[in-house]
Amino acid sequence: MTALIALATTLGLALALLTAAAPPAAAADLLSQGRPATSSSTENTSTPASAAVDGNTGTRWGSTFSDPQWLSVDLGATATISQVVLRWEAAYARAFQIQTSTNGTAWTTIHSTMTGTGGVQTLDVNGNGRYVRMLGTQRGTTYGYSLFEFQVYGSGGGTPPGNGIPDPTATSLETANGPLTTASYTVPNPSGYGSGTVTYPTSSGSYPSVVLMPGYQGTQQNLQWLAPRLASWGFVVVNVGTNTLTDDPESRGRQISAAGTQLIALGNAAGNPLSGKVNGTLGAVGHSMGGGGVMAALRDDSRFRAGVPTAPYHPNANFSSVTEPTFFLTCQSDSVAHGNTYAVPWYNSMSQAEKLYIEVPGDHLCPMTGSGNKAKQGKWIVSFLSLWLRADTRFGPFLCGPVRDPDKNNTSLVTRWMDTCAF
């Protein structure tokens, strides 16, 4: 008996050691975040499909108040799907299906229920496809369907946003072009704004988008320097011409929103160079009245996740409700829109936003093409938008901490610097 007990103990110990030494199963990757998303409908402009795959539980997709409705995400390539997480707002689905597709047309159901509970639902599934959608067939409330997040986990899928972008350095960020090759495309039939030229990475993958808006009497030339610089660091950039040269800041804000809407639509459509390249995350950069327009877009359109108003102008405006990250770039000798008159009061009033304020030598034109220190301005703008539109923390040190201090403390380069670091 003693020998049997000893043998059992030895075997049990050996089994425990083998179990402990066994490598853990590979964790599933989050494949859906930042990918292009579409839906059967939206409740309004503040509840787009892209809000359900942006990684932010403070934004949501909402549908119209009818059955059926669907939300679909394009993973970029065929993937093996192992789990889907639905983070419902109060308007949930009582009956719904999770479906996959290789082409976005023919669908295979991998999960179905008639007793959805709302809240956070974690579904273990088994399927394959490039496209994954939630098809709601019976609402749980009198409202529509509404998801804070639609998260698809598995392996495979397309190139993640930011993949292929090498680690940034001060030298690489201060050159005129980043690591990615770019091309240009003229927007056909601009809707809600005057004209648009898109500069985009030619490499595979989908990217955040940035709208560039000129100032009073300005054209696309105003911020032309910035378009290839941003695109070569992994952004799809539309450089906009306004409806008229005298459009006020509020009108420019609406045109920024319209340009973002059309850019997302082009990314979701087939037959153009932007197809599949636009992931639905939006930012904006503007000069003067265009900078005021950026602030209006951040205030009014929740799809815009970060903004860079440069030498911004917008009289009698209140932007205390803006909560998205904002980088104010102003000019020390600006007699048109000095930071003390506009940007600084806005900065101080935005108590819930991450903020950066840099004042540099020069007059009102210092952020425009052909003026100012473009090596430094480009480094700061690329870093800010990479951090906040792509969640690429590799760029944070150029804005916060010792790496940025040589810029911040150089009085010939920077005449005032404020921030909410660390971020």
Protein backbone atom coordinates (compact mmCIF):
# COMPACT_ATOMS: atom_id res chain seq x y z
CA MET A 1 0.00 0.00 0.00
CA THR A 2 2.82 2.35 0.90
CA ALA A 3 4.47 1.65 -2.45
CA LEU A 4 1.23 2.38 -4.35
CA ILE A 5 0.73 5.66 -2.52
CA ALA A 6 4.33 6.67 -3.30
CA LEU A 7 3.83 5.76 -6.97
CA ALA A 8 0.60 7.75 -7.17
CA THR A 9 2.28 10.74 -5.54
CA THR A 10 5.17 10.54 -7.99
CA LEU A 11 2.84 10.32 -10.98
CA GLY A 12 0.74 13.22 -9.71
CA LEU A 13 3.82 15.37 -9.22
CA ALA A 14 5.10 14.54 -12.69
CA LEU A 15 1.71 15.40 -14.23
CA ALA A 16 1.64 18.70 -12.35
CA LEU A 17 5.12 19.56 -13.60
CA LEU A 18 4.19 18.71 -17.18
CA THR A 19 1.04 20.82 -16.90
CA ALA A 20 2.98 23.76 -15.48
CA ALA A 21 5.62 23.49 -18.18
CA ALA A 22 3.12 23.32 -21.06
CA PRO A 23 3.03 26.59 -23.01
CA PRO A 24 -0.20 28.56 -22.73
CA ALA A 25 -2.54 28.65 -25.70
CA ALA A 26 -1.91 31.61 -27.96
CA ALA A 27 -4.15 34.55 -27.10
CA ALA A 28 -6.55 35.68 -29.81
CA ASP A 29 -5.82 39.05 -31.42
CA LEU A 30 -8.29 41.91 -31.55
CA LEU A 31 -8.81 42.12 -35.32
CA SER A 32 -11.63 44.63 -35.65
CA GLN A 33 -10.34 47.77 -33.96
CA GLY A 34 -9.76 50.61 -36.40
CA ARG A 35 -10.96 48.58 -39.38
CA PRO A 36 -13.51 49.91 -41.91
CA ALA A 37 -17.07 49.48 -40.66
CA THR A 38 -20.42 49.85 -42.41
CA SER A 39 -24.02 49.54 -41.29
CA SER A 40 -27.54 49.27 -42.63
CA SER A 41 -28.37 52.66 -41.13
CA THR A 42 -27.30 55.24 -38.56
CA GLU A 43 -29.45 57.03 -36.03
CA ASN A 44 -27.65 60.33 -36.76
CA THR A 45 -24.23 61.69 -37.75
CA SER A 46 -22.90 61.30 -34.19
CA THR A 47 -23.50 57.52 -34.18
CA PRO A 48 -21.57 56.20 -37.21
CA ALA A 49 -20.61 52.58 -37.78
CA SER A 50 -16.94 53.46 -37.21
CA ALA A 51 -17.70 54.38 -33.57
CA ALA A 52 -18.26 50.68 -32.76
CA VAL A 53 -14.70 49.70 -33.75
CA ASP A 54 -12.74 52.72 -32.49
CA GLY A 55 -11.74 51.30 -29.10
CA ASN A 56 -13.61 54.06 -27.28
CA THR A 57 -16.53 53.01 -25.06
CA GLY A 58 -17.65 56.62 -24.92
CA THR A 59 -18.77 56.53 -28.57
CA ARG A 60 -21.36 54.26 -30.17
CA TRP A 61 -23.02 53.10 -33.35
CA GLY A 62 -26.78 53.54 -33.36
CA SER A 63 -29.29 52.42 -35.99
CA THR A 64 -32.69 53.72 -36.96
CA PHE A 65 -35.65 52.39 -34.93
CA SER A 66 -36.66 49.41 -37.08
CA ASP A 67 -35.91 45.73 -37.79
CA PRO A 68 -33.73 44.27 -39.22
CA GLN A 69 -30.44 46.20 -38.94
CA TRP A 70 -26.79 45.19 -39.27
CA LEU A 71 -23.27 46.33 -38.48
CA SER A 72 -20.31 44.90 -40.43
CA VAL A 73 -16.53 45.21 -40.10
CA ASP A 74 -13.94 44.49 -42.79
CA LEU A 75 -10.91 42.72 -41.27
CA GLY A 76 -8.85 43.35 -44.42
CA ALA A 77 -8.20 39.68 -45.19
CA THR A 78 -9.68 36.30 -44.33
CA ALA A 79 -9.25 35.50 -40.64
CA THR A 80 -10.11 32.71 -38.23
CA ILE A 81 -12.73 34.05 -35.81
CA SER A 82 -12.77 32.65 -32.27
CA GLN A 83 -14.62 35.23 -30.20
CA VAL A 84 -16.95 38.21 -30.60
CA VAL A 85 -17.63 40.73 -27.83
CA LEU A 86 -20.72 42.93 -28.03
CA ARG A 87 -20.78 45.95 -25.73
CA TRP A 88 -24.37 47.12 -25.96
CA GLU A 89 -25.78 50.50 -25.09
CA ALA A 90 -29.29 50.39 -23.60
CA ALA A 91 -30.74 49.69 -27.06
CA TYR A 92 -29.74 46.04 -27.51
CA ALA A 93 -30.73 43.09 -29.70
CA ARG A 94 -33.02 40.41 -28.31
CA ALA A 95 -32.59 38.28 -31.44
CA PHE A 96 -29.46 38.49 -33.56
CA GLN A 97 -26.92 36.53 -35.55
CA ILE A 98 -23.16 36.79 -35.92
CA GLN A 99 -22.21 36.11 -39.52
CA THR A 100 -19.02 35.88 -41.58
CA SER A 101 -18.35 36.38 -45.27
CA THR A 102 -15.44 36.22 -47.66
CA ASN A 103 -16.88 38.82 -50.03
CA GLY A 104 -19.33 40.92 -48.02
CA THR A 105 -22.28 39.50 -49.96
CA ALA A 106 -22.81 35.82 -49.07
CA TRP A 107 -23.05 35.27 -45.30
CA THR A 108 -22.57 32.26 -43.01
CA THR A 109 -24.11 32.30 -39.53
CA ILE A 110 -21.70 31.26 -36.75
CA HIS A 111 -23.88 32.28 -33.79
CA SER A 112 -27.61 32.81 -33.36
CA THR A 113 -29.81 33.66 -30.39
CA MET A 114 -33.39 34.67 -29.68
CA THR A 115 -32.68 35.57 -26.05
CA GLY A 116 -30.07 38.33 -26.15
CA THR A 117 -29.54 40.00 -22.79
CA GLY A 118 -27.76 43.25 -23.68
CA GLY A 119 -24.89 44.51 -21.56
CA VAL A 120 -21.54 42.95 -22.42
CA GLN A 121 -21.92 39.66 -24.29
CA THR A 122 -18.83 37.53 -24.92
CA LEU A 123 -19.47 34.88 -27.55
CA ASP A 124 -17.12 31.99 -28.25
CA VAL A 125 -17.51 31.19 -31.95
CA ASN A 126 -15.81 29.25 -34.71
CA GLY A 127 -15.70 30.67 -38.21
CA ASN A 128 -13.68 32.17 -41.03
CA GLY A 129 -14.10 35.27 -43.12
CA ARG A 130 -12.88 38.71 -44.05
CA TYR A 131 -16.15 40.37 -43.05
CA VAL A 132 -17.97 39.87 -39.75
CA ARG A 133 -21.36 41.33 -38.96
CA MET A 134 -24.02 41.49 -36.31
CA LEU A 135 -27.45 41.05 -37.91
CA GLY A 136 -30.17 42.20 -35.52
CA THR A 137 -33.61 40.76 -36.25
CA GLN A 138 -35.54 41.73 -33.10
CA ARG A 139 -34.86 44.78 -30.95
CA GLY A 140 -34.86 44.53 -27.18
CA THR A 141 -36.33 48.04 -26.81
CA THR A 142 -38.47 50.42 -28.83
CA TYR A 143 -35.29 52.15 -29.99
CA GLY A 144 -32.84 50.84 -32.57
CA TYR A 145 -29.66 48.81 -32.12
CA SER A 146 -26.73 50.49 -30.41
CA LEU A 147 -23.21 49.18 -29.75
CA PHE A 148 -20.44 50.94 -27.88
CA GLU A 149 -18.00 48.36 -29.25
CA PHE A 150 -18.13 45.43 -31.69
CA GLN A 151 -14.95 43.45 -31.05
CA VAL A 152 -13.86 40.52 -33.20
CA TYR A 153 -11.03 38.29 -31.96
CA GLY A 154 -9.07 35.60 -33.78
CA SER A 155 -6.01 35.20 -35.95
CA GLY A 156 -5.13 36.45 -39.39
CA GLY A 157 -6.88 39.48 -40.84
CA GLY A 158 -5.36 42.44 -42.63
CA THR A 159 -2.46 44.68 -41.76
CA PRO A 160 -3.15 46.41 -38.42
CA PRO A 161 -3.18 50.22 -38.48
CA GLY A 162 0.36 51.41 -37.95
CA ASN A 163 1.95 48.12 -38.93
CA GLY A 164 4.99 48.60 -41.13
CA ILE A 165 5.74 52.05 -39.73
CA PRO A 166 9.24 51.91 -38.24
CA ASP A 167 10.13 53.36 -34.87
CA PRO A 168 10.23 57.15 -35.25
CA THR A 169 13.32 59.20 -34.48
CA ALA A 170 13.81 62.95 -34.24
CA THR A 171 15.74 62.81 -37.51
CA SER A 172 13.13 60.79 -39.40
CA LEU A 173 10.28 62.96 -38.11
CA GLU A 174 12.02 66.16 -39.15
CA THR A 175 12.46 65.13 -42.78
CA ALA A 176 9.95 66.19 -45.41
CA ASN A 177 8.75 62.63 -46.07
CA GLY A 178 8.19 59.68 -43.79
CA PRO A 179 8.83 55.98 -44.44
CA LEU A 180 5.77 55.14 -46.58
CA THR A 181 5.40 55.74 -50.31
CA THR A 182 2.38 57.90 -51.20
CA ALA A 183 0.18 58.73 -54.16
CA SER A 184 -2.50 61.33 -54.89
CA TYR A 185 -6.12 61.13 -55.96
CA THR A 186 -8.54 63.93 -56.87
CA VAL A 187 -11.93 63.60 -55.19
CA PRO A 188 -14.64 63.23 -57.84
CA ASN A 189 -17.74 65.37 -57.25
CA PRO A 190 -16.92 66.81 -53.79
CA SER A 191 -20.03 66.86 -51.63
CA GLY A 192 -20.45 69.72 -49.15
CA TYR A 193 -17.10 71.39 -49.87
CA GLY A 194 -15.34 72.90 -52.86
CA SER A 195 -12.55 70.53 -53.87
CA GLY A 196 -10.33 67.81 -52.47
CA THR A 197 -6.98 66.20 -53.19
CA VAL A 198 -6.26 62.99 -51.28
CA THR A 199 -2.70 61.88 -50.47
CA TYR A 200 -2.54 58.30 -49.21
CA PRO A 201 -0.07 55.48 -48.48
CA THR A 202 0.29 53.04 -51.34
CA SER A 203 1.11 50.15 -48.97
CA SER A 204 -1.61 47.72 -47.90
CA GLY A 205 -3.65 48.29 -44.76
CA SER A 206 -6.17 50.85 -43.56
CA TYR A 207 -5.30 54.14 -41.93
CA PRO A 208 -6.80 57.07 -39.99
CA SER A 209 -7.88 60.05 -42.06
CA VAL A 210 -7.04 63.74 -41.69
CA VAL A 211 -8.88 66.69 -43.25
CA LEU A 212 -6.79 69.80 -44.02
CA MET A 213 -8.74 73.09 -44.07
CA PRO A 214 -7.31 76.44 -45.27
CA GLY A 215 -8.04 79.87 -43.84
CA TYR A 216 -9.74 83.01 -45.13
CA GLN A 217 -9.04 83.55 -48.84
CA GLY A 218 -6.93 80.38 -48.67
CA THR A 219 -6.70 77.41 -51.03
CA GLN A 220 -5.30 73.90 -50.88
CA GLN A 221 -1.85 75.44 -51.22
CA ASN A 222 -2.07 76.77 -47.65
CA LEU A 223 -1.36 73.39 -46.04
CA GLN A 224 -0.02 71.56 -49.08
CA TRP A 225 3.28 70.96 -47.28
CA LEU A 226 1.57 68.82 -44.66
CA ALA A 227 -0.37 66.37 -46.85
CA PRO A 228 2.52 64.15 -48.08
CA ARG A 229 4.23 64.43 -44.71
CA LEU A 230 1.25 62.99 -42.85
CA ALA A 231 0.43 60.42 -45.54
CA SER A 232 3.97 59.06 -45.49
CA TRP A 233 3.57 58.38 -41.76
CA GLY A 234 0.37 56.37 -42.20
CA PHE A 235 -2.60 58.69 -42.78
CA VAL A 236 -5.09 59.20 -45.60
CA VAL A 237 -5.14 62.99 -46.01
CA VAL A 238 -7.68 65.08 -47.89
CA ASN A 239 -6.55 68.64 -48.60
CA VAL A 240 -9.74 70.65 -49.03
CA GLY A 241 -10.71 73.71 -50.99
CA THR A 242 -13.70 75.61 -49.58
CA ASN A 243 -17.01 76.40 -51.22
CA THR A 244 -16.03 80.09 -51.30
CA LEU A 245 -12.86 81.84 -50.22
CA THR A 246 -14.76 83.85 -47.60
CA ASP A 247 -16.58 81.00 -45.81
CA ASP A 248 -16.75 81.66 -42.06
CA PRO A 249 -15.32 79.25 -39.43
CA GLU A 250 -18.65 77.54 -38.74
CA SER A 251 -19.08 76.82 -42.46
CA ARG A 252 -15.52 75.50 -42.59
CA GLY A 253 -16.32 73.19 -39.68
CA ARG A 254 -19.29 71.76 -41.59
CA GLN A 255 -17.11 71.33 -44.68
CA ILE A 256 -14.53 69.43 -42.60
CA SER A 257 -17.31 67.06 -41.53
CA ALA A 258 -18.54 66.69 -45.11
CA ALA A 259 -15.03 65.92 -46.35
CA GLY A 260 -14.63 63.28 -43.62
CA THR A 261 -17.95 61.70 -44.59
CA GLN A 262 -16.98 61.49 -48.25
CA LEU A 263 -13.53 60.12 -47.44
CA ILE A 264 -15.05 57.29 -45.40
CA ALA A 265 -17.53 56.59 -48.21
CA LEU A 266 -14.71 56.38 -50.75
CA GLY A 267 -12.84 53.98 -48.47
CA ASN A 268 -15.91 51.75 -48.22
CA ALA A 269 -16.59 51.78 -51.98
CA ALA A 270 -14.96 49.64 -54.64
CA GLY A 271 -13.30 50.90 -57.79
CA ASN A 272 -11.16 53.75 -56.46
CA PRO A 273 -7.60 53.93 -55.04
CA LEU A 274 -8.89 54.57 -51.50
CA SER A 275 -10.97 51.38 -51.30
CA GLY A 276 -10.13 49.59 -48.05
CA LYS A 277 -7.59 52.23 -46.96
CA VAL A 278 -9.80 54.35 -44.69
CA ASN A 279 -10.42 52.93 -41.22
CA GLY A 280 -13.08 55.46 -40.14
CA THR A 281 -11.02 57.35 -37.54
CA LEU A 282 -10.97 61.09 -38.33
CA GLY A 283 -8.80 64.07 -37.42
CA ALA A 284 -8.40 67.59 -38.78
CA VAL A 285 -5.81 70.33 -39.20
CA GLY A 286 -6.75 73.88 -40.15
CA HIS A 287 -5.24 77.35 -40.44
CA SER A 288 -6.81 80.63 -39.27
CA MET A 289 -10.57 80.39 -40.00
CA GLY A 290 -9.81 76.78 -40.91
CA GLY A 291 -8.41 76.36 -37.40
CA GLY A 292 -11.67 77.75 -36.06
CA GLY A 293 -13.39 75.23 -38.30
CA VAL A 294 -11.35 72.43 -36.71
CA MET A 295 -12.61 73.53 -33.31
CA ALA A 296 -16.20 73.59 -34.59
CA ALA A 297 -15.80 70.07 -36.00
CA LEU A 298 -14.37 68.79 -32.69
CA ARG A 299 -17.29 70.40 -30.88
CA ASP A 300 -20.05 69.21 -33.21
CA ASP A 301 -18.93 65.95 -34.85
CA SER A 302 -17.98 63.10 -32.51
CA ARG A 303 -16.29 61.19 -35.34
CA PHE A 304 -13.34 63.58 -35.11
CA ARG A 305 -10.97 62.19 -32.50
CA ALA A 306 -8.20 64.81 -32.51
CA GLY A 307 -7.51 68.21 -34.04
CA VAL A 308 -4.70 70.64 -34.75
CA PRO A 309 -5.94 74.24 -35.08
CA THR A 310 -3.05 76.43 -36.28
CA ALA A 311 -3.19 80.20 -35.71
CA PRO A 312 -6.93 79.59 -35.15
CA TYR A 313 -9.53 82.33 -35.58
CA HIS A 314 -13.17 82.18 -34.53
CA PRO A 315 -14.67 85.24 -32.78
CA ASN A 316 -17.12 84.85 -29.90
CA ALA A 317 -16.92 81.05 -29.84
CA ASN A 318 -17.15 78.78 -26.81
CA PHE A 319 -15.29 75.49 -27.07
CA SER A 320 -15.32 74.44 -23.42
CA SER A 321 -17.33 71.33 -24.39
CA VAL A 322 -14.53 69.97 -26.60
CA THR A 323 -13.11 66.82 -25.00
CA GLU A 324 -10.95 65.41 -27.80
CA PRO A 325 -7.15 65.87 -27.84
CA THR A 326 -6.26 69.25 -29.34
CA PHE A 327 -2.92 70.74 -30.38
CA PHE A 328 -2.86 74.53 -30.72
CA LEU A 329 0.03 75.81 -32.85
CA THR A 330 0.24 79.62 -32.72
CA CYS A 331 2.56 82.38 -33.92
CA GLN A 332 4.22 84.84 -31.54
CA SER A 333 3.82 87.94 -33.75
CA ASP A 334 0.35 87.12 -35.07
CA SER A 335 -1.62 90.36 -35.42
CA VAL A 336 -4.70 88.58 -36.85
CA ALA A 337 -5.33 85.70 -34.42
CA HIS A 338 -2.90 85.96 -31.54
CA GLY A 339 -3.00 83.03 -29.17
CA ASN A 340 -3.81 85.27 -26.20
CA THR A 341 -7.06 86.28 -27.92
CA TYR A 342 -8.34 82.92 -29.17
CA ALA A 343 -6.31 79.75 -28.60
CA VAL A 344 -5.23 80.36 -24.99
CA PRO A 345 -8.78 81.04 -23.67
CA TRP A 346 -10.03 77.95 -25.53
CA TYR A 347 -7.16 75.87 -24.15
CA ASN A 348 -7.91 77.01 -20.61
CA SER A 349 -11.64 76.33 -20.94
CA MET A 350 -11.27 72.74 -22.20
CA SER A 351 -11.02 71.07 -18.81
CA GLN A 352 -11.71 67.52 -20.02
CA ALA A 353 -9.36 67.36 -23.02
CA GLU A 354 -5.74 66.36 -23.46
CA LYS A 355 -4.06 69.50 -24.77
CA LEU A 356 -0.83 70.79 -26.28
CA TYR A 357 -0.07 74.45 -26.95
CA ILE A 358 3.08 75.55 -28.79
CA GLU A 359 3.77 79.15 -29.77
CA VAL A 360 6.59 79.71 -32.27
CA PRO A 361 8.23 82.79 -33.82
CA GLY A 362 6.52 84.31 -36.84
CA ASP A 363 3.39 86.10 -37.99
CA HIS A 364 -0.07 84.76 -38.86
CA LEU A 365 1.32 82.80 -41.82
CA CYS A 366 3.85 80.77 -39.79
CA PRO A 367 1.99 77.39 -40.17
CA MET A 368 1.43 77.84 -43.91
CA THR A 369 3.37 76.36 -46.80
CA GLY A 370 6.64 78.23 -47.25
CA SER A 371 6.69 79.76 -43.76
CA GLY A 372 7.97 78.71 -40.36
CA ASN A 373 10.13 75.78 -39.29
CA LYS A 374 8.47 72.90 -41.09
CA ALA A 375 10.88 70.28 -39.71
CA LYS A 376 9.74 70.97 -36.16
CA GLN A 377 6.09 71.72 -36.97
CA GLY A 378 5.86 68.52 -38.99
CA LYS A 379 7.42 66.45 -36.21
CA TRP A 380 4.96 67.78 -33.63
CA ILE A 381 1.86 67.41 -35.82
CA VAL A 382 2.75 63.90 -37.03
CA SER A 383 3.54 62.82 -33.47
CA PHE A 384 0.33 64.28 -32.03
CA LEU A 385 -1.94 62.70 -34.63
CA SER A 386 -0.09 59.37 -34.54
CA LEU A 387 -0.55 59.24 -30.78
CA TRP A 388 -4.22 60.15 -30.72
CA LEU A 389 -5.60 58.79 -34.01
CA ARG A 390 -3.60 55.57 -34.11
CA ALA A 391 -2.84 55.10 -30.39
CA ASP A 392 0.83 54.76 -31.38
CA THR A 393 2.62 55.50 -28.12
CA ARG A 394 6.03 55.43 -29.84
CA PHE A 395 5.36 59.05 -30.82
CA GLY A 396 4.48 60.29 -27.32
CA PRO A 397 8.06 61.04 -26.19
CA PHE A 398 8.43 63.73 -28.85
CA LEU A 399 5.66 65.67 -27.10
CA CYS A 400 6.13 64.72 -23.44
CA GLY A 401 9.27 64.15 -21.38
CA PRO A 402 13.03 64.47 -21.83
CA VAL A 403 13.09 63.70 -25.58
CA ARG A 404 11.01 66.79 -26.35
CA ASP A 405 12.83 69.10 -23.88
CA PRO A 406 15.48 70.32 -26.34
CA ASP A 407 12.60 71.71 -28.44
CA LYS A 408 10.57 73.01 -25.52
CA ASN A 409 13.51 74.79 -23.89
CA ASN A 410 14.89 76.35 -27.07
CA THR A 411 13.66 79.95 -26.86
CA SER A 412 14.63 80.67 -30.46
CA LEU A 413 12.35 77.82 -31.55
CA VAL A 414 9.50 77.91 -29.00
CA THR A 415 8.25 81.06 -27.27
CA ARG A 416 5.55 79.36 -25.21
CA TRP A 417 4.75 75.69 -24.46
CA MET A 418 1.84 74.32 -22.41
CA ASP A 419 0.55 70.76 -22.17
CA THR A 420 -1.35 68.22 -20.10
CA CYS A 421 1.53 65.74 -20.04
CA ALA A 422 2.03 62.97 -19.32
CA PHE A 423 0.12 61.55 -22.25
